[in-house]
Amino acid sequence: MKNSNEVQILPATKTDYPQLAQIYQQSRKATFPWVQHPEISDFIRDSEGEYLLKAVLNQKIVGFLSFYQSANFIHLLFIDPEYMHHGVGTQLLQAIRLQATDLVTLKCVRENTNALAFYKAQGFKIIGRSLWRKPPYYTLKDTKKAAYPLL
């Protein structure tokens, strides 16, 4: 029997979208001061056509990751603000590494110093910088090749 405090990483379904959208909005309000008015509807637009994993703790969705499979690109990784710094993001990354067919990449806004520190601790390295985009961002690539069984 599983410990009730154990996070489960599962594929998300359309019935999960309202909860995922709420996490997306709440997390962006808490951590993205450069986003003026995050809306619940942003989630559908921003994750369209992507594979979604959800993190579930005690039957509650506490985070998610959206993945553009053909490019091995993590587009979104968001955690409910109440569950940040509890290893949920790490578990979502570990799960996507098991499914990716190459080292994953992602973009992270330069101002998002907490996320940048998280990704660095997870083994990601900066491989590019935006020059003209607003807000400016870094492109990061995972370096933990041993964590990818399909490589």
C-alpha atoms as a PDB file:
ATOM      1  CA  MET A   1       0.000   0.000   0.000  1.00  0.00           C
ATOM      2  CA  LYS A   2       1.285   3.464  -0.916  1.00  0.00           C
ATOM      3  CA  ASN A   3       2.120   6.030   1.713  1.00  0.00           C
ATOM      4  CA  SER A   4      -0.536   8.759   1.696  1.00  0.00           C
ATOM      5  CA  ASN A   5       2.263  11.357   1.495  1.00  0.00           C
ATOM      6  CA  GLU A   6       3.736   9.856  -1.678  1.00  0.00           C
ATOM      7  CA  VAL A   7       3.399  11.921  -4.839  1.00  0.00           C
ATOM      8  CA  GLN A   8       2.134   9.997  -7.846  1.00  0.00           C
ATOM      9  CA  ILE A   9       3.067  11.135 -11.349  1.00  0.00           C
ATOM     10  CA  LEU A  10       0.374  10.233 -13.866  1.00  0.00           C
ATOM     11  CA  PRO A  11      -0.714  11.260 -17.358  1.00  0.00           C
ATOM     12  CA  ALA A  12      -3.237  14.089 -17.140  1.00  0.00           C
ATOM     13  CA  THR A  13      -6.634  13.825 -18.793  1.00  0.00           C
ATOM     14  CA  LYS A  14      -9.051  16.487 -20.032  1.00  0.00           C
ATOM     15  CA  THR A  15     -11.040  16.094 -16.806  1.00  0.00           C
ATOM     16  CA  ASP A  16      -7.948  17.374 -14.954  1.00  0.00           C
ATOM     17  CA  TYR A  17      -7.755  20.588 -16.980  1.00  0.00           C
ATOM     18  CA  PRO A  18      -9.772  22.797 -14.590  1.00  0.00           C
ATOM     19  CA  GLN A  19      -7.421  21.902 -11.713  1.00  0.00           C
ATOM     20  CA  LEU A  20      -4.323  22.272 -13.887  1.00  0.00           C
ATOM     21  CA  ALA A  21      -5.534  25.656 -15.139  1.00  0.00           C
ATOM     22  CA  GLN A  22      -6.086  26.827 -11.582  1.00  0.00           C
ATOM     23  CA  ILE A  23      -2.556  25.762 -10.577  1.00  0.00           C
ATOM     24  CA  TYR A  24      -1.194  27.523 -13.664  1.00  0.00           C
ATOM     25  CA  GLN A  25      -2.965  30.755 -12.784  1.00  0.00           C
ATOM     26  CA  GLN A  26      -2.145  30.662  -9.049  1.00  0.00           C
ATOM     27  CA  SER A  27       1.509  29.819  -9.598  1.00  0.00           C
ATOM     28  CA  ARG A  28       1.939  32.534 -12.203  1.00  0.00           C
ATOM     29  CA  LYS A  29       0.331  35.097  -9.878  1.00  0.00           C
ATOM     30  CA  ALA A  30       2.690  34.043  -7.070  1.00  0.00           C
ATOM     31  CA  THR A  31       5.922  33.833  -9.061  1.00  0.00           C
ATOM     32  CA  PHE A  32       5.617  35.734 -12.369  1.00  0.00           C
ATOM     33  CA  PRO A  33       5.430  39.481 -11.640  1.00  0.00           C
ATOM     34  CA  TRP A  34       6.024  40.188 -15.343  1.00  0.00           C
ATOM     35  CA  VAL A  35       2.657  38.600 -16.259  1.00  0.00           C
ATOM     36  CA  GLN A  36       0.134  41.378 -15.732  1.00  0.00           C
ATOM     37  CA  HIS A  37      -3.165  39.474 -15.661  1.00  0.00           C
ATOM     38  CA  PRO A  38      -2.828  35.682 -15.787  1.00  0.00           C
ATOM     39  CA  GLU A  39      -6.094  34.036 -16.738  1.00  0.00           C
ATOM     40  CA  ILE A  40      -7.409  30.518 -16.203  1.00  0.00           C
ATOM     41  CA  SER A  41      -7.970  30.281 -19.967  1.00  0.00           C
ATOM     42  CA  ASP A  42      -4.233  30.755 -20.606  1.00  0.00           C
ATOM     43  CA  PHE A  43      -3.638  27.112 -19.667  1.00  0.00           C
ATOM     44  CA  ILE A  44      -5.585  25.687 -22.624  1.00  0.00           C
ATOM     45  CA  ARG A  45      -3.811  27.964 -25.098  1.00  0.00           C
ATOM     46  CA  ASP A  46      -0.358  27.416 -23.620  1.00  0.00           C
ATOM     47  CA  SER A  47      -0.549  23.620 -23.371  1.00  0.00           C
ATOM     48  CA  GLU A  48      -2.424  22.832 -26.580  1.00  0.00           C
ATOM     49  CA  GLY A  49      -1.126  19.707 -28.324  1.00  0.00           C
ATOM     50  CA  GLU A  50       1.290  18.835 -25.526  1.00  0.00           C
ATOM     51  CA  TYR A  51       1.620  15.730 -23.382  1.00  0.00           C
ATOM     52  CA  LEU A  52       0.692  16.497 -19.782  1.00  0.00           C
ATOM     53  CA  LEU A  53       1.842  14.821 -16.595  1.00  0.00           C
ATOM     54  CA  LYS A  54       0.191  15.601 -13.275  1.00  0.00           C
ATOM     55  CA  ALA A  55       1.552  15.250  -9.760  1.00  0.00           C
ATOM     56  CA  VAL A  56      -1.039  13.926  -7.300  1.00  0.00           C
ATOM     57  CA  LEU A  57      -0.709  13.973  -3.521  1.00  0.00           C
ATOM     58  CA  ASN A  58      -3.495  12.655  -1.310  1.00  0.00           C
ATOM     59  CA  GLN A  59      -5.876  12.656  -4.290  1.00  0.00           C
ATOM     60  CA  LYS A  60      -5.152  16.323  -5.043  1.00  0.00           C
ATOM     61  CA  ILE A  61      -3.301  17.575  -8.117  1.00  0.00           C
ATOM     62  CA  VAL A  62      -0.374  19.644  -6.831  1.00  0.00           C
ATOM     63  CA  GLY A  63       1.578  20.270 -10.025  1.00  0.00           C
ATOM     64  CA  PHE A  64       1.973  19.486 -13.699  1.00  0.00           C
ATOM     65  CA  LEU A  65       4.391  19.423 -16.594  1.00  0.00           C
ATOM     66  CA  SER A  66       3.561  19.930 -20.275  1.00  0.00           C
ATOM     67  CA  PHE A  67       5.879  18.376 -22.817  1.00  0.00           C
ATOM     68  CA  TYR A  68       6.219  18.889 -26.544  1.00  0.00           C
ATOM     69  CA  GLN A  69       7.249  15.327 -27.364  1.00  0.00           C
ATOM     70  CA  SER A  70       8.585  15.714 -30.893  1.00  0.00           C
ATOM     71  CA  ALA A  71      11.105  18.326 -29.702  1.00  0.00           C
ATOM     72  CA  ASN A  72      11.778  16.837 -26.229  1.00  0.00           C
ATOM     73  CA  PHE A  73      10.852  20.278 -24.898  1.00  0.00           C
ATOM     74  CA  ILE A  74       9.344  21.054 -21.508  1.00  0.00           C
ATOM     75  CA  HIS A  75       6.987  23.928 -22.117  1.00  0.00           C
ATOM     76  CA  LEU A  76       5.387  24.295 -18.690  1.00  0.00           C
ATOM     77  CA  LEU A  77       6.308  23.047 -15.225  1.00  0.00           C
ATOM     78  CA  PHE A  78       4.095  24.514 -12.513  1.00  0.00           C
ATOM     79  CA  ILE A  79       3.539  23.605  -8.891  1.00  0.00           C
ATOM     80  CA  ASP A  80       0.710  24.717  -6.617  1.00  0.00           C
ATOM     81  CA  PRO A  81       2.333  27.454  -4.482  1.00  0.00           C
ATOM     82  CA  GLU A  82       1.381  25.561  -1.302  1.00  0.00           C
ATOM     83  CA  TYR A  83       3.476  22.582  -2.467  1.00  0.00           C
ATOM     84  CA  MET A  84       6.566  24.338  -3.797  1.00  0.00           C
ATOM     85  CA  HIS A  85       9.891  23.180  -2.326  1.00  0.00           C
ATOM     86  CA  HIS A  86       8.534  19.711  -1.533  1.00  0.00           C
ATOM     87  CA  GLY A  87      10.178  17.774  -4.382  1.00  0.00           C
ATOM     88  CA  VAL A  88       7.170  17.770  -6.721  1.00  0.00           C
ATOM     89  CA  GLY A  89       9.032  19.465  -9.587  1.00  0.00           C
ATOM     90  CA  THR A  90      11.935  17.055  -9.205  1.00  0.00           C
ATOM     91  CA  GLN A  91       9.586  14.090  -9.484  1.00  0.00           C
ATOM     92  CA  LEU A  92       7.909  15.516 -12.583  1.00  0.00           C
ATOM     93  CA  LEU A  93      11.330  15.980 -14.217  1.00  0.00           C
ATOM     94  CA  GLN A  94      12.362  12.437 -13.296  1.00  0.00           C
ATOM     95  CA  ALA A  95       9.175  11.089 -14.872  1.00  0.00           C
ATOM     96  CA  ILE A  96       9.609  12.942 -18.156  1.00  0.00           C
ATOM     97  CA  ARG A  97      13.237  11.814 -18.414  1.00  0.00           C
ATOM     98  CA  LEU A  98      11.943   8.237 -18.460  1.00  0.00           C
ATOM     99  CA  GLN A  99       9.849   9.011 -21.545  1.00  0.00           C
ATOM    100  CA  ALA A 100      11.995  11.489 -23.485  1.00  0.00           C
ATOM    101  CA  THR A 101      13.906  10.333 -26.544  1.00  0.00           C
ATOM    102  CA  ASP A 102      16.666  12.918 -26.136  1.00  0.00           C
ATOM    103  CA  LEU A 103      17.947  15.267 -23.441  1.00  0.00           C
ATOM    104  CA  VAL A 104      15.145  17.720 -22.721  1.00  0.00           C
ATOM    105  CA  THR A 105      15.343  21.453 -23.191  1.00  0.00           C
ATOM    106  CA  LEU A 106      13.245  24.295 -21.825  1.00  0.00           C
ATOM    107  CA  LYS A 107      13.089  28.066 -21.644  1.00  0.00           C
ATOM    108  CA  CYS A 108      13.174  30.017 -18.400  1.00  0.00           C
ATOM    109  CA  VAL A 109      12.646  33.744 -17.948  1.00  0.00           C
ATOM    110  CA  ARG A 110      15.869  35.356 -16.733  1.00  0.00           C
ATOM    111  CA  GLU A 111      14.039  37.111 -13.867  1.00  0.00           C
ATOM    112  CA  ASN A 112      12.809  33.770 -12.545  1.00  0.00           C
ATOM    113  CA  THR A 113      15.833  33.214 -10.316  1.00  0.00           C
ATOM    114  CA  ASN A 114      14.117  30.560  -8.178  1.00  0.00           C
ATOM    115  CA  ALA A 115      13.315  28.439 -11.228  1.00  0.00           C
ATOM    116  CA  LEU A 116      16.813  28.934 -12.632  1.00  0.00           C
ATOM    117  CA  ALA A 117      18.326  27.735  -9.343  1.00  0.00           C
ATOM    118  CA  PHE A 118      15.981  24.722  -9.375  1.00  0.00           C
ATOM    119  CA  TYR A 119      16.921  23.736 -12.924  1.00  0.00           C
ATOM    120  CA  LYS A 120      20.632  24.201 -12.217  1.00  0.00           C
ATOM    121  CA  ALA A 121      20.309  21.886  -9.196  1.00  0.00           C
ATOM    122  CA  GLN A 122      18.571  19.365 -11.479  1.00  0.00           C
ATOM    123  CA  GLY A 123      21.496  19.331 -13.904  1.00  0.00           C
ATOM    124  CA  PHE A 124      20.368  21.835 -16.536  1.00  0.00           C
ATOM    125  CA  LYS A 125      22.849  24.156 -18.233  1.00  0.00           C
ATOM    126  CA  ILE A 126      22.235  27.390 -20.105  1.00  0.00           C
ATOM    127  CA  ILE A 127      22.762  26.848 -23.837  1.00  0.00           C
ATOM    128  CA  GLY A 128      21.192  30.035 -25.199  1.00  0.00           C
ATOM    129  CA  ARG A 129      19.979  33.515 -24.370  1.00  0.00           C
ATOM    130  CA  SER A 130      17.222  35.555 -25.951  1.00  0.00           C
ATOM    131  CA  LEU A 131      18.310  38.969 -27.085  1.00  0.00           C
ATOM    132  CA  TRP A 132      15.090  40.596 -28.272  1.00  0.00           C
ATOM    133  CA  ARG A 133      12.260  38.760 -26.541  1.00  0.00           C
ATOM    134  CA  LYS A 134      10.293  40.239 -23.678  1.00  0.00           C
ATOM    135  CA  PRO A 135      10.668  39.051 -21.081  1.00  0.00           C
ATOM    136  CA  PRO A 136      14.232  37.884 -21.797  1.00  0.00           C
ATOM    137  CA  TYR A 137      14.809  34.179 -21.235  1.00  0.00           C
ATOM    138  CA  TYR A 138      17.459  31.483 -21.192  1.00  0.00           C
ATOM    139  CA  THR A 139      17.291  28.201 -23.064  1.00  0.00           C
ATOM    140  CA  LEU A 140      18.439  25.337 -20.852  1.00  0.00           C
ATOM    141  CA  LYS A 141      19.356  21.731 -21.635  1.00  0.00           C
ATOM    142  CA  ASP A 142      19.466  18.788 -19.282  1.00  0.00           C
ATOM    143  CA  THR A 143      22.878  17.193 -18.745  1.00  0.00           C
ATOM    144  CA  LYS A 144      21.847  14.084 -16.778  1.00  0.00           C
ATOM    145  CA  LYS A 145      22.077  11.639 -19.673  1.00  0.00           C
ATOM    146  CA  ALA A 146      22.188   8.643 -17.303  1.00  0.00           C
ATOM    147  CA  ALA A 147      18.611   9.473 -16.199  1.00  0.00           C
ATOM    148  CA  TYR A 148      17.274   8.748 -19.717  1.00  0.00           C
ATOM    149  CA  PRO A 149      16.737   5.040 -20.285  1.00  0.00           C
ATOM    150  CA  LEU A 150      15.650   5.551 -23.921  1.00  0.00           C
ATOM    151  CA  LEU A 151      18.974   7.125 -24.956  1.00  0.00           C
END
